[in-house]
């Protein structure tokens, strides 16, 4: 009897904990009614409402629909992922508005599963940057000449860059330090997925005033300026085979001097940026092109005209990150691409000359618009 009570107590505790981990979210979704098929439109609207619930539970700052303009491409990518993260849902309201069907749902979502699901859209070529600076008096500055310099250089290299400081950093400098020290990827990853970034550059600059203006430096001479030493400690975190890994790490020191301590800190950051920017940019470029690069097939369905395939090849050459395009037969191209295939499909559709028929992790099938 006692054994049965203990088992029931254990199960009750387990179930209570499971439900306590879920977050209840209300969300809406809508879909175009095509050929009068209300059932299909309702199902599509429910999938989109579930995805909206996941984004809400994961607290993302950038919605997928804002970077993939074609809703059908998003649907193709998420339809097999949504069900696992949404534990339960009920329809609160639904209706028809012109040629659109809409639903409002209440969903139970497990936040960790939501984060994992949403991260399938994290862009390999998007870098989230957070490099706060600790002044000698303890003040913390989250944007600085150092982070601005690195961000500007990354943009020049065609990377998308998100300044985490502009989104609101949820962690203190102590929490960041502990996360880096202990390789706490869960905490660090949460900084990147909010912006759908696949790579995170995180670190901190600690500074100390080593000499103050007026200090006697011997022979009756007083120091005419303040001296500040600083050290940047950083981690560059990416993904390999679905797992977060450290792509690069290190520390770099620099010194600054000026009439005031604050100006000496800014001069130190300027000097630090010259020391570290090229190193970090090179590391990011090398790692992303090496780890994430993959072959993708582009099939122009039913095509037998070589000139049309060459036109498609020419169009693809102007899409960012597309490299080494090879022709195979009259209907297929193979290229190198380091990003998620859905983003390549989205870029092709923006050309307006083609429609996407089907996509998977390694292949895009499309047809020419007539």
Protein backbone atom coordinates (compact mmCIF):
# COMPACT_ATOMS: atom_id res chain seq x y z
CA UNK A 1 0.00 0.00 0.00
CA UNK A 2 2.76 2.38 0.99
CA UNK A 3 4.55 1.54 -2.25
CA UNK A 4 1.42 2.43 -4.30
CA UNK A 5 1.05 5.72 -2.46
CA UNK A 6 4.67 6.59 -3.15
CA UNK A 7 4.22 5.78 -6.86
CA UNK A 8 1.07 7.93 -7.07
CA UNK A 9 2.85 10.74 -5.23
CA UNK A 10 5.75 10.52 -7.65
CA UNK A 11 3.46 10.55 -10.71
CA UNK A 12 1.47 13.48 -9.34
CA UNK A 13 4.64 15.42 -8.76
CA UNK A 14 5.93 14.60 -12.23
CA UNK A 15 2.70 15.65 -13.92
CA UNK A 16 2.48 18.82 -11.85
CA UNK A 17 6.01 19.74 -12.82
CA UNK A 18 5.32 19.00 -16.51
CA UNK A 19 2.25 21.24 -16.59
CA UNK A 20 4.07 23.91 -14.57
CA UNK A 21 6.75 24.06 -17.27
CA UNK A 22 4.19 24.82 -19.99
CA UNK A 23 3.25 28.36 -20.88
CA UNK A 24 -0.33 29.19 -21.90
CA UNK A 25 -0.41 31.55 -24.88
CA UNK A 26 -3.23 33.06 -26.92
CA UNK A 27 -2.47 33.71 -30.59
CA UNK A 28 -4.12 34.17 -33.96
CA UNK A 29 -3.46 32.90 -37.48
CA UNK A 30 -5.03 33.47 -40.85
CA UNK A 31 -4.88 32.00 -44.34
CA UNK A 32 -6.19 32.82 -47.80
CA UNK A 33 -9.26 30.82 -48.91
CA UNK A 34 -8.36 29.24 -52.24
CA UNK A 35 -10.91 27.65 -54.60
CA UNK A 36 -13.54 27.99 -51.87
CA UNK A 37 -11.83 25.34 -49.67
CA UNK A 38 -12.66 26.56 -46.14
CA UNK A 39 -11.29 23.39 -44.50
CA UNK A 40 -7.83 23.79 -46.02
CA UNK A 41 -7.72 27.49 -45.14
CA UNK A 42 -8.74 26.73 -41.53
CA UNK A 43 -6.02 24.09 -41.15
CA UNK A 44 -3.43 26.51 -42.53
CA UNK A 45 -4.63 29.25 -40.19
CA UNK A 46 -4.33 26.89 -37.20
CA UNK A 47 -0.72 26.01 -38.14
CA UNK A 48 0.15 29.72 -38.35
CA UNK A 49 -1.56 30.41 -35.01
CA UNK A 50 0.47 27.61 -33.42
CA UNK A 51 3.67 29.07 -34.84
CA UNK A 52 2.73 32.51 -33.48
CA UNK A 53 2.24 30.86 -30.07
CA UNK A 54 5.73 29.34 -30.30
CA UNK A 55 7.30 32.68 -31.16
CA UNK A 56 5.45 34.26 -28.26
CA UNK A 57 6.60 31.56 -25.81
CA UNK A 58 10.19 31.78 -27.08
CA UNK A 59 10.12 35.59 -26.73
CA UNK A 60 11.75 36.19 -30.10
CA UNK A 61 12.36 39.81 -31.11
CA UNK A 62 12.34 39.15 -34.87
CA UNK A 63 9.41 37.27 -36.43
CA UNK A 64 10.08 34.73 -39.19
CA UNK A 65 7.43 36.30 -41.43
CA UNK A 66 9.43 39.53 -41.51
CA UNK A 67 12.46 37.85 -43.10
CA UNK A 68 10.69 35.21 -45.24
CA UNK A 69 8.07 37.11 -47.22
CA UNK A 70 6.36 34.03 -48.70
CA UNK A 71 4.06 32.53 -46.05
CA UNK A 72 3.85 29.23 -47.97
CA UNK A 73 7.64 28.79 -47.68
CA UNK A 74 7.33 29.29 -43.93
CA UNK A 75 4.47 26.79 -43.80
CA UNK A 76 6.53 24.16 -45.67
CA UNK A 77 9.38 24.61 -43.19
CA UNK A 78 7.37 24.58 -39.97
CA UNK A 79 4.50 22.15 -40.54
CA UNK A 80 6.49 19.11 -39.33
CA UNK A 81 8.03 21.03 -36.39
CA UNK A 82 5.02 22.72 -34.81
CA UNK A 83 3.15 19.73 -33.39
CA UNK A 84 5.92 18.60 -31.02
CA UNK A 85 6.27 21.92 -29.22
CA UNK A 86 2.55 22.76 -28.87
CA UNK A 87 1.35 20.30 -26.23
CA UNK A 88 -2.34 21.18 -26.45
CA UNK A 89 -4.59 23.84 -27.93
CA UNK A 90 -8.22 24.90 -28.15
CA UNK A 91 -9.89 27.20 -30.67
CA UNK A 92 -11.33 30.25 -28.88
CA UNK A 93 -12.84 31.91 -31.94
CA UNK A 94 -12.76 31.64 -35.72
CA UNK A 95 -14.36 33.21 -38.75
CA UNK A 96 -14.24 34.37 -42.34
CA UNK A 97 -13.21 37.89 -43.34
CA UNK A 98 -13.54 38.36 -47.10
CA UNK A 99 -11.24 35.81 -48.75
CA UNK A 100 -9.36 35.14 -45.48
CA UNK A 101 -10.08 32.56 -42.77
CA UNK A 102 -8.83 33.36 -39.26
CA UNK A 103 -8.63 31.50 -35.96
CA UNK A 104 -7.79 32.50 -32.39
CA UNK A 105 -6.35 29.74 -30.21
CA UNK A 106 -5.17 29.13 -26.65
CA UNK A 107 -2.10 26.88 -26.68
CA UNK A 108 0.06 25.18 -24.07
CA UNK A 109 3.67 25.53 -25.09
CA UNK A 110 6.80 24.25 -23.39
CA UNK A 111 9.27 27.20 -23.65
CA UNK A 112 12.38 25.06 -24.12
CA UNK A 113 10.77 23.17 -27.00
CA UNK A 114 9.59 26.51 -28.43
CA UNK A 115 13.16 27.83 -28.40
CA UNK A 116 14.45 24.68 -30.08
CA UNK A 117 11.73 24.81 -32.76
CA UNK A 118 12.06 28.52 -33.50
CA UNK A 119 15.83 28.15 -33.80
CA UNK A 120 15.41 26.13 -37.04
CA UNK A 121 15.10 29.54 -38.67
CA UNK A 122 18.26 30.95 -37.04
CA UNK A 123 20.37 32.36 -39.87
CA UNK A 124 23.93 31.11 -40.14
CA UNK A 125 24.96 34.43 -41.65
CA UNK A 126 23.31 36.51 -38.95
CA UNK A 127 25.56 37.49 -36.05
CA UNK A 128 24.28 38.69 -32.69
CA UNK A 129 26.82 40.88 -30.91
CA UNK A 130 27.01 41.76 -27.24
CA UNK A 131 30.26 43.20 -25.83
CA UNK A 132 29.51 45.29 -22.72
CA UNK A 133 32.23 47.46 -21.20
CA UNK A 134 32.87 47.78 -17.47
CA UNK A 135 34.35 51.18 -16.54
CA UNK A 136 36.95 51.50 -13.74
CA UNK A 137 34.22 52.86 -11.40
CA UNK A 138 31.89 49.89 -12.09
CA UNK A 139 29.56 51.50 -14.61
CA UNK A 140 28.51 49.26 -17.50
CA UNK A 141 28.16 50.47 -21.10
CA UNK A 142 26.54 47.94 -23.47
CA UNK A 143 27.32 49.74 -26.75
CA UNK A 144 30.78 51.15 -27.34
CA UNK A 145 33.24 52.15 -30.11
CA UNK A 146 34.49 48.55 -30.03
CA UNK A 147 31.11 46.91 -30.74
CA UNK A 148 30.26 49.61 -33.32
CA UNK A 149 33.52 48.98 -35.18
CA UNK A 150 32.98 45.21 -35.28
CA UNK A 151 29.33 45.56 -36.34
CA UNK A 152 30.20 47.97 -39.16
CA UNK A 153 32.94 45.66 -40.48
CA UNK A 154 30.63 42.61 -40.37
CA UNK A 155 27.97 44.49 -42.34
CA UNK A 156 30.58 45.36 -44.98
CA UNK A 157 31.24 41.59 -45.29
CA UNK A 158 27.52 40.96 -46.13
CA UNK A 159 26.64 39.54 -42.70
CA UNK A 160 23.39 40.49 -41.03
CA UNK A 161 24.19 41.87 -37.61
CA UNK A 162 22.01 42.34 -34.56
CA UNK A 163 23.19 44.53 -31.70
CA UNK A 164 21.76 42.72 -28.66
CA UNK A 165 22.11 45.91 -26.61
CA UNK A 166 19.49 47.57 -28.85
CA UNK A 167 17.00 44.75 -28.13
CA UNK A 168 17.47 44.92 -24.35
CA UNK A 169 20.02 42.60 -22.80
CA UNK A 170 18.18 40.45 -20.21
CA UNK A 171 21.34 39.46 -18.31
CA UNK A 172 23.64 41.26 -15.87
CA UNK A 173 27.38 41.43 -16.43
CA UNK A 174 27.85 38.81 -13.68
CA UNK A 175 25.40 36.41 -15.36
CA UNK A 176 27.18 36.83 -18.69
CA UNK A 177 30.57 36.24 -17.07
CA UNK A 178 29.37 33.06 -15.39
CA UNK A 179 27.73 31.80 -18.59
CA UNK A 180 30.98 32.29 -20.56
CA UNK A 181 33.10 30.80 -17.79
CA UNK A 182 30.91 27.69 -17.49
CA UNK A 183 30.09 27.35 -21.23
CA UNK A 184 26.43 27.73 -20.34
CA UNK A 185 25.13 27.43 -23.91
CA UNK A 186 21.47 27.54 -22.84
CA UNK A 187 21.87 31.05 -21.45
CA UNK A 188 24.13 32.24 -24.26
CA UNK A 189 21.94 30.69 -26.96
CA UNK A 190 18.93 32.56 -25.62
CA UNK A 191 20.66 35.81 -26.58
CA UNK A 192 20.98 34.72 -30.22
CA UNK A 193 17.67 33.00 -30.97
CA UNK A 194 15.69 36.10 -29.99
CA UNK A 195 17.10 37.69 -33.14
CA UNK A 196 17.10 34.42 -35.15
CA UNK A 197 20.89 34.55 -35.33
CA UNK A 198 22.92 31.37 -35.82
CA UNK A 199 26.13 32.89 -34.49
CA UNK A 200 26.72 34.78 -31.26
CA UNK A 201 29.70 37.01 -30.46
CA UNK A 202 29.58 37.63 -26.73
CA UNK A 203 32.14 38.94 -24.30
CA UNK A 204 33.03 41.77 -21.98
CA UNK A 205 35.69 44.44 -21.62
CA UNK A 206 37.03 45.04 -18.14
CA UNK A 207 39.01 48.24 -17.55
CA UNK A 208 41.15 49.59 -14.76
CA UNK A 209 42.70 53.02 -14.24
CA UNK A 210 46.39 52.21 -13.74
CA UNK A 211 47.61 55.81 -13.37
CA UNK A 212 45.80 59.08 -12.71
CA UNK A 213 46.56 62.58 -13.86
CA UNK A 214 48.90 64.39 -11.43
CA UNK A 215 50.66 61.24 -10.25
CA UNK A 216 54.33 61.86 -9.41
CA UNK A 217 56.35 59.78 -11.87
CA UNK A 218 59.73 60.86 -10.55
CA UNK A 219 62.17 63.73 -10.99
CA UNK A 220 59.45 66.16 -9.89
CA UNK A 221 57.31 65.39 -12.95
CA UNK A 222 53.58 64.81 -12.65
CA UNK A 223 51.64 62.62 -15.14
CA UNK A 224 49.69 64.96 -17.48
CA UNK A 225 46.95 62.42 -18.29
CA UNK A 226 45.08 59.35 -17.04
CA UNK A 227 46.00 55.84 -18.18
CA UNK A 228 43.43 53.01 -18.50
CA UNK A 229 44.20 49.39 -19.33
CA UNK A 230 41.46 47.14 -20.72
CA UNK A 231 41.01 43.46 -21.58
CA UNK A 232 38.40 41.95 -23.89
CA UNK A 233 37.39 38.34 -23.17
CA UNK A 234 35.08 36.84 -25.79
CA UNK A 235 33.41 33.70 -27.12
CA UNK A 236 32.25 33.12 -30.70
CA UNK A 237 29.49 30.50 -30.61
CA UNK A 238 27.99 28.75 -33.63
CA UNK A 239 26.31 25.50 -34.55
CA UNK A 240 27.60 22.21 -35.94
CA UNK A 241 25.34 19.21 -36.57
CA UNK A 242 22.62 20.89 -34.55
CA UNK A 243 24.81 21.40 -31.48
CA UNK A 244 26.17 24.69 -30.16
CA UNK A 245 29.96 24.85 -30.23
CA UNK A 246 32.64 27.43 -29.51
CA UNK A 247 34.03 28.56 -32.88
CA UNK A 248 36.66 30.81 -31.34
CA UNK A 249 37.57 32.39 -28.03
CA UNK A 250 40.32 34.50 -26.58
CA UNK A 251 41.31 37.74 -24.92
CA UNK A 252 42.99 40.89 -26.19
CA UNK A 253 44.44 43.79 -24.17
CA UNK A 254 44.91 47.48 -24.99
CA UNK A 255 45.68 50.79 -23.28
CA UNK A 256 44.29 54.31 -23.57
CA UNK A 257 45.27 57.69 -22.18
CA UNK A 258 43.46 61.04 -21.97
CA UNK A 259 42.76 64.03 -19.76
CA UNK A 260 39.79 62.27 -18.12
CA UNK A 261 39.34 58.63 -17.11
CA UNK A 262 36.23 58.26 -19.31
CA UNK A 263 38.08 59.59 -22.37
CA UNK A 264 40.96 57.24 -21.58
CA UNK A 265 38.47 54.33 -21.59
CA UNK A 266 37.13 55.38 -25.01
CA UNK A 267 40.67 55.68 -26.39
CA UNK A 268 41.45 52.22 -24.98
CA UNK A 269 38.36 50.84 -26.78
CA UNK A 270 39.45 52.45 -30.04
CA UNK A 271 42.87 50.81 -29.72
CA UNK A 272 41.23 47.51 -28.79
CA UNK A 273 39.05 47.63 -31.89
CA UNK A 274 42.13 47.91 -34.13
CA UNK A 275 43.65 44.88 -32.40
CA UNK A 276 40.68 42.54 -32.46
CA UNK A 277 38.29 43.43 -35.31
CA UNK A 278 40.11 41.75 -38.21
CA UNK A 279 40.80 38.68 -36.08
CA UNK A 280 37.14 38.19 -35.19
CA UNK A 281 35.88 38.94 -38.73
CA UNK A 282 38.32 36.42 -40.23
CA UNK A 283 37.34 33.79 -37.70
CA UNK A 284 33.60 34.26 -38.36
CA UNK A 285 34.01 34.16 -42.16
CA UNK A 286 36.28 31.11 -42.10
CA UNK A 287 34.17 29.11 -39.66
CA UNK A 288 30.80 29.83 -41.30
CA UNK A 289 32.00 29.08 -44.82
CA UNK A 290 33.70 25.92 -43.57
CA UNK A 291 31.14 24.43 -41.18
CA UNK A 292 27.85 25.50 -42.70
CA UNK A 293 28.65 25.35 -46.40
CA UNK A 294 26.69 22.66 -48.27
CA UNK A 295 25.67 21.63 -51.77
CA UNK A 296 22.15 22.58 -52.85
CA UNK A 297 20.40 21.42 -56.02
CA UNK A 298 18.24 23.88 -57.93
CA UNK A 299 15.89 22.09 -60.33
CA UNK A 300 14.04 24.01 -63.03
CA UNK A 301 11.17 21.55 -63.45
CA UNK A 302 10.55 20.24 -66.96
CA UNK A 303 13.09 22.56 -68.58
CA UNK A 304 14.87 21.49 -71.78
CA UNK A 305 16.05 24.94 -72.89
CA UNK A 306 19.73 25.47 -72.05
CA UNK A 307 19.40 29.25 -72.40
CA UNK A 308 16.73 29.34 -69.67
CA UNK A 309 18.96 27.36 -67.32
CA UNK A 310 21.84 29.75 -68.00
CA UNK A 311 19.52 32.69 -67.27
CA UNK A 312 18.64 31.08 -63.93
CA UNK A 313 22.36 30.58 -63.22
CA UNK A 314 22.97 34.25 -63.95
CA UNK A 315 20.12 35.27 -61.60
CA UNK A 316 21.52 33.08 -58.79
CA UNK A 317 24.95 34.69 -59.02
CA UNK A 318 23.50 37.91 -57.61
CA UNK A 319 22.13 36.26 -54.46
CA UNK A 320 24.26 36.75 -51.35
CA UNK A 321 26.36 33.76 -50.23
CA UNK A 322 25.71 31.70 -53.40
CA UNK A 323 29.04 30.28 -54.66
CA UNK A 324 30.43 27.80 -57.20
CA UNK A 325 27.37 27.20 -59.39
CA UNK A 326 27.71 24.12 -61.61
CA UNK A 327 25.41 23.13 -64.49
CA UNK A 328 24.09 19.54 -64.66
CA UNK A 329 22.04 18.67 -67.73
CA UNK A 330 19.35 21.08 -68.93
CA UNK A 331 17.29 21.37 -65.75
CA UNK A 332 19.65 21.31 -62.77
CA UNK A 333 22.20 23.57 -61.07
CA UNK A 334 24.31 22.64 -58.04
CA UNK A 335 25.79 25.37 -55.85
CA UNK A 336 27.44 26.00 -52.50
CA UNK A 337 25.33 27.79 -49.90
CA UNK A 338 26.08 28.26 -46.17
CA UNK A 339 22.58 29.38 -45.17
CA UNK A 340 19.25 27.63 -44.54
CA UNK A 341 17.66 26.57 -47.86
CA UNK A 342 14.42 28.42 -47.06
CA UNK A 343 16.32 31.71 -47.28
CA UNK A 344 17.70 30.80 -50.71
CA UNK A 345 14.18 29.88 -51.86
CA UNK A 346 12.91 33.20 -50.55
CA UNK A 347 15.67 35.09 -52.40
CA UNK A 348 14.85 33.27 -55.65
CA UNK A 349 11.18 34.17 -55.35
CA UNK A 350 12.10 37.81 -54.90
CA UNK A 351 13.44 37.67 -58.46
CA UNK A 352 9.75 37.33 -59.49
CA UNK A 353 10.66 35.17 -62.49
CA UNK A 354 10.21 31.85 -60.67
CA UNK A 355 7.77 30.05 -58.36
CA UNK A 356 8.86 27.54 -55.72
CA UNK A 357 7.20 24.14 -56.10
CA UNK A 358 9.01 22.18 -53.37
CA UNK A 359 11.92 22.56 -50.97
CA UNK A 360 13.90 20.36 -48.59
CA UNK A 361 17.26 20.64 -46.83
CA UNK A 362 19.26 20.02 -50.03
CA UNK A 363 17.00 20.78 -52.97
CA UNK A 364 14.72 23.46 -54.40
CA UNK A 365 12.34 22.63 -57.24
CA UNK A 366 10.98 25.64 -59.09
CA UNK A 367 9.30 26.60 -62.31
CA UNK A 368 9.55 29.64 -64.51
CA UNK A 369 6.69 32.12 -64.32
CA UNK A 370 5.01 32.68 -67.65
